[in-house]
Amino acid sequence: MPSRSRLTTRQLLVGLPAPLLALAACTGAPAEDDGAAPTSAPTAATSTTTSTAPDATAPSDTSASGTSPARESGPARTLLRGLEIAWSIAPLPDGSALVSERDTGDIHHVPAPGSGASPTVVGRLPIERTSGEGGLLGLAVPEDFDVNPVFYAYYSTDSDNRIAAVPWHGDRIGEPKVIFDGIPRGHNHNGGRIAFGPNGYLYVGTGEAGDTSLSQNRESLGGKILRITPEGEPAPGNPFGGSPIWSYGHRNVQGLAWDSAGRMWASEFGAQTWDELNLIKPGSNYGWPEAEGRAGNPDFVDPVVQWATADLSPSGIAIGPDGAVYLAALRGESVWRVPIRSDGSAGEPERRLRGTYGRIRDVRFVSGRLWLTTSNGSDDRLISLPLADVGVG
C-alpha cells in the first residue's frame, strides 16, 4: 500500500518574461540519457523539414473572457526564463499553466494569455537531488480540477520516486499528500511523466533506474507504465490483477498522450541505437532489455516509429489539433511531428525547429499555441510558438 506523509512548501522569487534570444546547442548541458549515435541510418523519421521562429516578442494578447482561455497570436514569445530544467507543463482549465522545475523543486504558475498577471513561483516540493535525472519531474491535472482543484506531481526523494496529490489555492500550492511511493530511483532512468487518461485514471511512466533486470520483472515498479486511481490504488481492470502495472519491458518512459481514438502513445529512451514511439496496449511487453527498437519478436511489441538516438532522445509528447503526435527531442534539438493514420500506423515523420532552441524537454498545446520548455542547462525557458512553426496547418 502507498505510504502517507506530510510535506511543506515555501514561496520563492520568480523569473519574469523577456524577449527571446537565439539559443545555440549547449555543450555544457547536464548529462542526460542521450545514448550514442548508431553507425547505420534510422529506419524511420527521414524527413528533415525545419521551421524557425522569429526572435521577437509578440504583441499584447486579447484579454480572456470569464474562464475561457484566450487564444494567443503573433510570433514566438518567452513566457519564463532563467529556469533550471523546466521539466513539465501542466495546463489548467482557465488557460493558465503550472510548470515544474526539476533541479529546484519549484512549481511556477504562468497566467492565462491576456490576463495581465505575471508568472509566480507558487511553491516547492521536497525533492532530493544531487545529480543525474531525479528531482521534480511530471505534473498532471485531472478532468475534475474545476470542482476539486488538486493536481499531481512525480518527484524524487533520497530513497525512491513518488507521486503526491497537491491542493491548488489559486496563487499557491497547499500541503502535498503522498498517494504512491516506492518507484525505483537511480542516478538516471527515473521516468517521471504522469498523465490522466480518458477514463480518469492516472498513468505513470517509470524507468528501470539503471537496473535492466527490473523491466521484465512484474514484481518491480521500474521500467513500466502504471495505471492507478487518484487515491493511489491499482486501477480496476488492470491486466495483472491487483497490480498497478499497465505495460512492461520499458527502459525509460518519457512521454504519455492519447489520440482522438483513445489510443495511448508513449515515447521512450533507447540505449545506444534506437529511441521509440510506442502504441501502448495493456499487458504488453515492450522488450527491454532483450530488444531495443524493432526486434520482430512476437513476444514483444515493436515501436511504431524508431529514431537514431542522435536524432531524438525523446521527452514529453502531445497530440496536436491535427491529430499528429508531437515529440520533444533533447539530443535531437527538435520537435518531431508524426502523422497518425486511422489504423494506428504512422505517416512520414517531420523534423521541426531543428537547432532553433537547443534541447527541448516538453511540449503542450495551450490556447491555440505550442508551448515548449528548453533543457540546455543554463537560462532554460518556457516559450510560446504559433502552430505553423511546428507544421500545424
Protein backbone atom coordinates (compact mmCIF):
# COMPACT_ATOMS: atom_id res chain seq x y z
CA MET A 1 0.00 0.00 0.00
CA PRO A 2 1.30 3.53 -0.68
CA SER A 3 2.55 5.43 2.36
CA ARG A 4 1.24 8.79 3.52
CA SER A 5 3.38 11.75 4.54
CA ARG A 6 3.00 15.48 5.28
CA LEU A 7 5.19 17.89 3.35
CA THR A 8 5.85 21.65 3.47
CA THR A 9 6.21 24.41 0.85
CA ARG A 10 7.55 27.97 0.67
CA GLN A 11 7.39 30.96 -1.64
CA LEU A 12 10.38 31.88 -3.83
CA LEU A 13 11.36 34.59 -6.30
CA VAL A 14 10.33 34.30 -9.93
CA GLY A 15 11.87 34.94 -13.36
CA LEU A 16 9.94 37.45 -15.47
CA PRO A 17 9.11 37.22 -19.20
CA ALA A 18 11.81 38.62 -21.51
CA PRO A 19 12.46 38.88 -25.23
CA LEU A 20 13.55 35.64 -26.81
CA LEU A 21 17.25 35.25 -27.54
CA ALA A 22 18.51 32.66 -30.01
CA LEU A 23 19.82 29.58 -28.25
CA ALA A 24 22.73 27.60 -29.59
CA ALA A 25 23.35 23.96 -28.78
CA CYS A 26 24.77 23.87 -25.24
CA THR A 27 27.78 21.61 -24.82
CA GLY A 28 27.70 22.27 -21.09
CA ALA A 29 24.18 20.88 -20.63
CA PRO A 30 23.65 18.41 -17.80
CA ALA A 31 24.22 14.76 -18.60
CA GLU A 32 21.09 13.06 -19.86
CA ASP A 33 20.07 9.64 -21.10
CA ASP A 34 21.05 10.62 -24.64
CA GLY A 35 22.72 7.45 -25.87
CA ALA A 36 25.16 7.42 -28.77
CA ALA A 37 24.55 7.74 -32.49
CA PRO A 38 24.46 4.42 -34.37
CA THR A 39 26.55 3.88 -37.45
CA SER A 40 23.52 2.91 -39.53
CA ALA A 41 20.80 5.25 -40.80
CA PRO A 42 17.45 5.32 -38.97
CA THR A 43 14.64 3.21 -40.35
CA ALA A 44 12.10 5.96 -39.70
CA ALA A 45 11.94 9.74 -39.46
CA THR A 46 13.91 10.52 -42.60
CA SER A 47 12.32 13.92 -43.24
CA THR A 48 14.30 16.94 -42.02
CA THR A 49 11.81 19.74 -42.63
CA THR A 50 12.87 22.66 -40.46
CA SER A 51 10.97 25.71 -39.28
CA THR A 52 12.44 28.57 -37.29
CA ALA A 53 10.62 31.09 -35.11
CA PRO A 54 11.50 34.80 -35.08
CA ASP A 55 13.43 36.18 -32.14
CA ALA A 56 10.77 38.66 -31.15
CA THR A 57 8.17 39.39 -28.54
CA ALA A 58 4.53 39.02 -29.54
CA PRO A 59 2.12 41.94 -29.35
CA SER A 60 -0.31 42.07 -26.45
CA ASP A 61 -2.79 39.20 -26.36
CA THR A 62 -6.53 39.65 -26.46
CA SER A 63 -7.97 39.57 -22.95
CA ALA A 64 -9.69 36.42 -21.78
CA SER A 65 -13.41 36.48 -21.18
CA GLY A 66 -14.57 34.74 -17.99
CA THR A 67 -12.77 31.43 -17.57
CA SER A 68 -12.42 30.73 -21.29
CA PRO A 69 -8.74 30.72 -22.34
CA ALA A 70 -7.67 33.49 -24.72
CA ARG A 71 -6.12 32.38 -27.99
CA GLU A 72 -2.67 33.85 -28.40
CA SER A 73 -1.49 35.42 -31.62
CA GLY A 74 1.78 36.71 -33.01
CA PRO A 75 5.31 35.32 -33.22
CA ALA A 76 7.29 33.37 -30.67
CA ARG A 77 7.49 34.78 -27.16
CA THR A 78 9.28 33.79 -23.96
CA LEU A 79 6.91 33.26 -21.02
CA LEU A 80 9.53 32.28 -18.42
CA ARG A 81 13.32 32.33 -18.39
CA GLY A 82 16.19 31.62 -16.02
CA LEU A 83 14.80 28.16 -15.21
CA GLU A 84 16.78 25.13 -14.02
CA ILE A 85 15.39 22.39 -16.28
CA ALA A 86 11.68 23.15 -16.76
CA TRP A 87 10.54 19.53 -16.93
CA SER A 88 6.75 19.52 -17.28
CA ILE A 89 3.98 21.84 -18.49
CA ALA A 90 0.52 21.23 -16.99
CA PRO A 91 -2.25 23.41 -18.50
CA LEU A 92 -5.12 24.39 -16.17
CA PRO A 93 -8.76 24.78 -17.26
CA ASP A 94 -8.61 28.61 -17.11
CA GLY A 95 -5.86 28.78 -19.75
CA SER A 96 -3.01 29.23 -17.30
CA ALA A 97 -0.43 26.52 -16.61
CA LEU A 98 1.84 25.06 -13.98
CA VAL A 99 5.49 24.35 -14.81
CA SER A 100 7.80 22.09 -12.79
CA GLU A 101 11.47 22.94 -12.34
CA ARG A 102 13.44 19.72 -11.99
CA ASP A 103 16.56 20.88 -10.20
CA THR A 104 14.97 23.14 -7.55
CA GLY A 105 11.57 21.52 -6.93
CA ASP A 106 9.85 24.83 -7.71
CA ILE A 107 6.39 24.98 -9.26
CA HIS A 108 5.71 28.07 -11.39
CA HIS A 109 2.27 29.40 -12.29
CA VAL A 110 2.03 31.03 -15.72
CA PRO A 111 -1.15 33.14 -16.09
CA ALA A 112 -3.55 32.80 -19.00
CA PRO A 113 -2.71 34.87 -22.09
CA GLY A 114 -4.06 38.41 -21.85
CA SER A 115 -4.62 38.32 -18.09
CA GLY A 116 -2.04 41.00 -17.41
CA ALA A 117 -0.65 38.99 -14.49
CA SER A 118 2.99 37.94 -14.10
CA PRO A 119 4.28 34.40 -13.55
CA THR A 120 4.99 33.45 -9.94
CA VAL A 121 6.59 30.61 -8.01
CA VAL A 122 3.70 29.09 -6.06
CA GLY A 123 5.55 26.50 -4.00
CA ARG A 124 8.35 23.98 -3.76
CA LEU A 125 8.21 20.21 -3.34
CA PRO A 126 10.74 18.48 -1.05
CA ILE A 127 12.86 16.83 -3.72
CA GLU A 128 16.19 15.16 -3.11
CA ARG A 129 18.55 15.74 -5.98
CA THR A 130 22.34 15.95 -6.11
CA SER A 131 22.99 14.93 -9.72
CA GLY A 132 21.55 12.87 -12.54
CA GLU A 133 17.96 12.86 -13.73
CA GLY A 134 15.98 12.89 -10.50
CA GLY A 135 14.13 15.84 -8.98
CA LEU A 136 10.71 17.37 -9.59
CA LEU A 137 9.50 15.73 -12.81
CA GLY A 138 5.97 15.29 -14.17
CA LEU A 139 2.79 17.21 -13.32
CA ALA A 140 -0.75 16.09 -14.19
CA VAL A 141 -4.15 17.80 -13.91
CA PRO A 142 -7.35 15.68 -13.62
CA GLU A 143 -10.52 16.45 -15.55
CA ASP A 144 -12.45 17.38 -12.39
CA PHE A 145 -9.92 20.06 -11.42
CA ASP A 146 -12.57 22.82 -11.60
CA VAL A 147 -14.62 21.22 -8.82
CA ASN A 148 -11.71 19.62 -6.95
CA PRO A 149 -8.60 21.77 -7.52
CA VAL A 150 -5.87 19.21 -6.88
CA PHE A 151 -3.01 18.37 -9.26
CA TYR A 152 -0.44 15.56 -9.10
CA ALA A 153 3.37 15.67 -9.05
CA TYR A 154 6.06 12.99 -9.53
CA TYR A 155 9.34 13.66 -7.72
CA SER A 156 12.47 12.05 -6.27
CA THR A 157 13.45 11.60 -2.63
CA ASP A 158 16.65 10.14 -1.24
CA SER A 159 15.14 6.63 -1.39
CA ASP A 160 12.55 6.50 -4.19
CA ASN A 161 10.37 8.28 -6.73
CA ARG A 162 6.83 9.07 -5.59
CA ILE A 163 3.59 10.81 -6.52
CA ALA A 164 1.77 13.40 -4.42
CA ALA A 165 -1.67 14.99 -4.72
CA VAL A 166 -1.16 18.76 -4.35
CA PRO A 167 -4.02 21.16 -3.48
CA TRP A 168 -4.21 24.33 -5.60
CA HIS A 169 -5.31 27.56 -3.90
CA GLY A 170 -5.21 29.86 -6.94
CA ASP A 171 -1.96 31.62 -6.02
CA ARG A 172 -0.11 28.94 -4.06
CA ILE A 173 0.00 25.20 -3.52
CA GLY A 174 -1.30 23.51 -0.40
CA GLU A 175 0.25 20.71 1.59
CA PRO A 176 1.01 17.75 -0.70
CA LYS A 177 -0.18 14.27 0.22
CA VAL A 178 1.83 11.28 -1.00
CA ILE A 179 -0.50 8.80 -2.70
CA PHE A 180 2.04 6.41 -4.24
CA ASP A 181 5.68 5.67 -3.47
CA GLY A 182 8.36 3.01 -3.83
CA ILE A 183 9.14 3.63 -7.52
CA PRO A 184 12.83 2.76 -8.02
CA ARG A 185 15.17 5.72 -8.13
CA GLY A 186 18.57 5.82 -9.81
CA HIS A 187 21.12 8.35 -10.98
CA ASN A 188 19.44 8.04 -14.40
CA HIS A 189 16.30 6.40 -15.82
CA ASN A 190 13.77 7.75 -13.32
CA GLY A 191 10.88 8.03 -15.78
CA GLY A 192 8.63 10.72 -14.34
CA ARG A 193 5.93 11.52 -16.89
CA ILE A 194 2.38 11.28 -15.49
CA ALA A 195 -0.94 11.95 -17.24
CA PHE A 196 -4.63 11.34 -16.72
CA GLY A 197 -6.17 9.12 -19.37
CA PRO A 198 -9.64 9.38 -20.91
CA ASN A 199 -11.02 7.11 -18.19
CA GLY A 200 -9.91 9.36 -15.32
CA TYR A 201 -7.10 7.08 -14.11
CA LEU A 202 -3.55 8.29 -13.62
CA TYR A 203 -0.88 6.75 -15.87
CA VAL A 204 2.74 6.80 -14.71
CA GLY A 205 5.85 6.27 -16.82
CA THR A 206 8.76 4.83 -14.84
CA GLY A 207 12.38 3.97 -15.63
CA GLU A 208 14.42 0.95 -14.64
CA ALA A 209 16.76 3.17 -12.57
CA GLY A 210 19.82 1.71 -14.29
CA ASP A 211 18.97 -1.90 -13.35
CA THR A 212 17.90 -3.57 -16.59
CA SER A 213 16.53 -6.62 -14.75
CA LEU A 214 13.63 -4.57 -13.39
CA SER A 215 11.94 -4.01 -16.75
CA GLN A 216 10.91 -7.66 -17.21
CA ASN A 217 10.18 -8.21 -13.51
CA ARG A 218 6.48 -7.71 -12.85
CA GLU A 219 7.16 -7.60 -9.11
CA SER A 220 9.01 -4.31 -9.65
CA LEU A 221 7.57 -0.87 -10.45
CA GLY A 222 10.66 0.02 -12.53
CA GLY A 223 10.60 0.06 -16.33
CA LYS A 224 6.79 0.13 -16.50
CA ILE A 225 3.74 2.16 -17.31
CA LEU A 226 1.48 2.10 -14.25
CA ARG A 227 -2.25 2.80 -14.06
CA ILE A 228 -3.62 3.92 -10.69
CA THR A 229 -6.63 5.69 -9.20
CA PRO A 230 -6.34 9.30 -7.98
CA GLU A 231 -6.08 7.82 -4.48
CA GLY A 232 -3.02 5.76 -5.48
CA GLU A 233 -4.58 2.29 -5.71
CA PRO A 234 -4.22 -0.08 -8.69
CA ALA A 235 -6.95 0.88 -11.17
CA PRO A 236 -9.81 -1.59 -11.75
CA GLY A 237 -9.34 -3.68 -14.87
CA ASN A 238 -5.54 -3.62 -14.87
CA PRO A 239 -4.12 -6.60 -16.79
CA PHE A 240 -2.29 -8.24 -13.87
CA GLY A 241 -4.97 -8.43 -11.22
CA GLY A 242 -4.25 -6.19 -8.24
CA SER A 243 -1.00 -4.87 -9.71
CA PRO A 244 -0.68 -1.23 -10.82
CA ILE A 245 1.26 -2.36 -13.92
CA TRP A 246 -0.33 -1.50 -17.28
CA SER A 247 2.61 -2.41 -19.57
CA TYR A 248 6.20 -3.52 -19.01
CA GLY A 249 9.55 -4.11 -20.70
CA HIS A 250 10.31 -0.38 -20.83
CA ARG A 251 13.70 1.29 -20.38
CA ASN A 252 12.79 4.90 -19.54
CA VAL A 253 9.32 6.17 -20.48
CA GLN A 254 9.32 9.94 -21.04
CA GLY A 255 6.04 10.98 -22.69
CA LEU A 256 2.37 9.91 -22.49
CA ALA A 257 -0.57 11.05 -24.65
CA TRP A 258 -3.90 9.83 -26.11
CA ASP A 259 -5.22 10.47 -29.60
CA SER A 260 -8.84 11.16 -30.52
CA ALA A 261 -9.48 7.43 -30.94
CA GLY A 262 -8.43 6.83 -27.31
CA ARG A 263 -5.15 5.12 -28.26
CA MET A 264 -2.28 5.61 -25.84
CA TRP A 265 1.16 6.70 -27.08
CA ALA A 266 4.46 6.78 -25.21
CA SER A 267 7.96 8.00 -26.03
CA GLU A 268 10.92 6.05 -24.74
CA PHE A 269 14.68 6.46 -24.49
CA GLY A 270 16.74 3.79 -26.17
CA ALA A 271 20.30 2.98 -25.17
CA GLN A 272 22.86 3.06 -28.00
CA THR A 273 20.78 2.57 -31.12
CA TRP A 274 17.05 3.35 -31.23
CA ASP A 275 14.63 5.70 -29.47
CA GLU A 276 10.96 4.79 -29.77
CA LEU A 277 7.39 5.99 -30.18
CA ASN A 278 5.16 3.17 -28.93
CA LEU A 279 1.46 2.44 -29.17
CA ILE A 280 0.65 1.14 -25.69
CA LYS A 281 -1.55 -1.91 -25.20
CA PRO A 282 -2.45 -3.18 -21.71
CA GLY A 283 -0.46 -6.18 -20.51
CA SER A 284 2.05 -5.96 -23.37
CA ASN A 285 5.81 -6.40 -23.17
CA TYR A 286 7.91 -3.76 -24.97
CA GLY A 287 11.09 -5.80 -24.92
CA TRP A 288 13.76 -4.03 -22.89
CA PRO A 289 16.49 -5.16 -22.26
CA GLU A 290 16.14 -8.04 -24.74
CA ALA A 291 15.09 -5.67 -27.53
CA GLU A 292 15.86 -2.07 -28.46
CA GLY A 293 13.82 -0.78 -31.37
CA ARG A 294 12.15 -3.18 -33.76
CA ALA A 295 13.03 -6.78 -32.94
CA GLY A 296 10.45 -8.70 -34.96
CA ASN A 297 9.95 -10.95 -31.93
CA PRO A 298 6.31 -11.98 -31.38
CA ASP A 299 6.86 -11.85 -27.61
CA PHE A 300 7.43 -8.09 -27.77
CA VAL A 301 5.57 -5.09 -29.18
CA ASP A 302 7.68 -3.24 -31.75
CA PRO A 303 7.70 0.59 -31.81
CA VAL A 304 5.53 2.32 -34.39
CA VAL A 305 8.43 4.67 -35.17
CA GLN A 306 12.09 4.46 -34.20
CA TRP A 307 14.85 7.06 -34.44
CA ALA A 308 18.62 7.04 -34.10
CA THR A 309 19.38 8.31 -30.60
CA ALA A 310 21.29 11.29 -32.05
CA ASP A 311 18.12 12.46 -33.81
CA LEU A 312 15.68 12.19 -30.92
CA SER A 313 16.40 11.33 -27.26
CA PRO A 314 12.72 11.94 -26.51
CA SER A 315 10.99 13.65 -23.66
CA GLY A 316 7.40 14.94 -23.48
CA ILE A 317 4.84 14.31 -26.20
CA ALA A 318 1.46 15.82 -27.10
CA ILE A 319 -1.32 15.21 -29.60
CA GLY A 320 -1.78 18.23 -31.85
CA PRO A 321 -5.04 19.73 -33.09
CA ASP A 322 -4.27 17.97 -36.38
CA GLY A 323 -4.16 14.56 -34.65
CA ALA A 324 -0.41 14.09 -35.09
CA VAL A 325 1.95 13.13 -32.26
CA TYR A 326 4.49 15.83 -31.41
CA LEU A 327 7.68 14.75 -29.62
CA ALA A 328 10.18 16.95 -27.78
CA ALA A 329 13.75 15.99 -28.68
CA LEU A 330 16.65 16.56 -26.29
CA ARG A 331 19.78 15.41 -28.09
CA GLY A 332 17.94 15.86 -31.41
CA GLU A 333 17.19 19.54 -30.55
CA SER A 334 13.90 19.47 -32.44
CA VAL A 335 10.18 18.88 -32.30
CA TRP A 336 9.19 15.83 -34.36
CA ARG A 337 5.71 15.69 -35.90
CA VAL A 338 4.40 12.17 -36.57
CA PRO A 339 1.12 11.89 -38.52
CA ILE A 340 -1.10 9.05 -37.28
CA ARG A 341 -3.39 7.11 -39.61
CA SER A 342 -6.80 5.78 -38.62
CA ASP A 343 -5.38 2.26 -38.15
CA GLY A 344 -2.73 3.49 -35.67
CA SER A 345 0.17 3.33 -38.11
CA ALA A 346 2.43 6.34 -38.66
CA GLY A 347 3.00 8.53 -41.67
CA GLU A 348 6.33 10.11 -42.53
CA PRO A 349 7.75 11.99 -39.51
CA GLU A 350 8.80 15.62 -39.99
CA ARG A 351 11.53 17.43 -38.08
CA ARG A 352 10.74 20.97 -36.95
CA LEU A 353 12.67 23.72 -35.10
CA ARG A 354 15.92 21.86 -35.66
CA GLY A 355 18.59 23.58 -33.55
CA THR A 356 16.44 26.69 -33.03
CA TYR A 357 16.09 26.44 -29.25
CA GLY A 358 18.57 23.70 -28.41
CA ARG A 359 17.34 20.76 -26.34
CA ILE A 360 13.56 20.60 -25.92
CA ARG A 361 12.09 18.96 -22.81
CA ASP A 362 8.29 19.20 -23.02
CA VAL A 363 5.59 20.25 -25.49
CA ARG A 364 1.94 21.15 -24.90
CA PHE A 365 -0.81 22.78 -26.95
CA VAL A 366 -2.20 25.71 -24.96
CA SER A 367 -4.65 28.41 -26.10
CA GLY A 368 -4.08 27.77 -29.79
CA ARG A 369 -0.26 27.78 -29.50
CA LEU A 370 2.53 25.31 -28.87
CA TRP A 371 4.28 25.79 -25.56
CA LEU A 372 7.69 24.17 -25.10
CA THR A 373 10.41 24.12 -22.48
CA THR A 374 14.12 24.12 -23.21
CA SER A 375 16.67 21.97 -21.40
CA ASN A 376 20.09 23.46 -22.12
CA GLY A 377 21.32 23.62 -18.53
CA SER A 378 21.53 27.41 -18.42
CA ASP A 379 18.78 30.03 -18.67
CA ASP A 380 16.15 27.48 -19.65
CA ARG A 381 12.84 28.84 -20.88
CA LEU A 382 9.16 28.33 -21.43
CA ILE A 383 8.36 29.53 -24.96
CA SER A 384 5.04 30.00 -26.77
CA LEU A 385 5.02 29.47 -30.55
CA PRO A 386 2.49 29.80 -33.37
CA LEU A 387 1.24 26.42 -34.55
CA ALA A 388 2.68 26.92 -38.04
CA ASP A 389 6.21 26.72 -36.60
CA VAL A 390 5.70 23.03 -35.91
CA GLY A 391 3.74 22.19 -39.05
CA VAL A 392 0.14 22.53 -37.88
CA GLY A 393 -1.79 23.88 -40.86
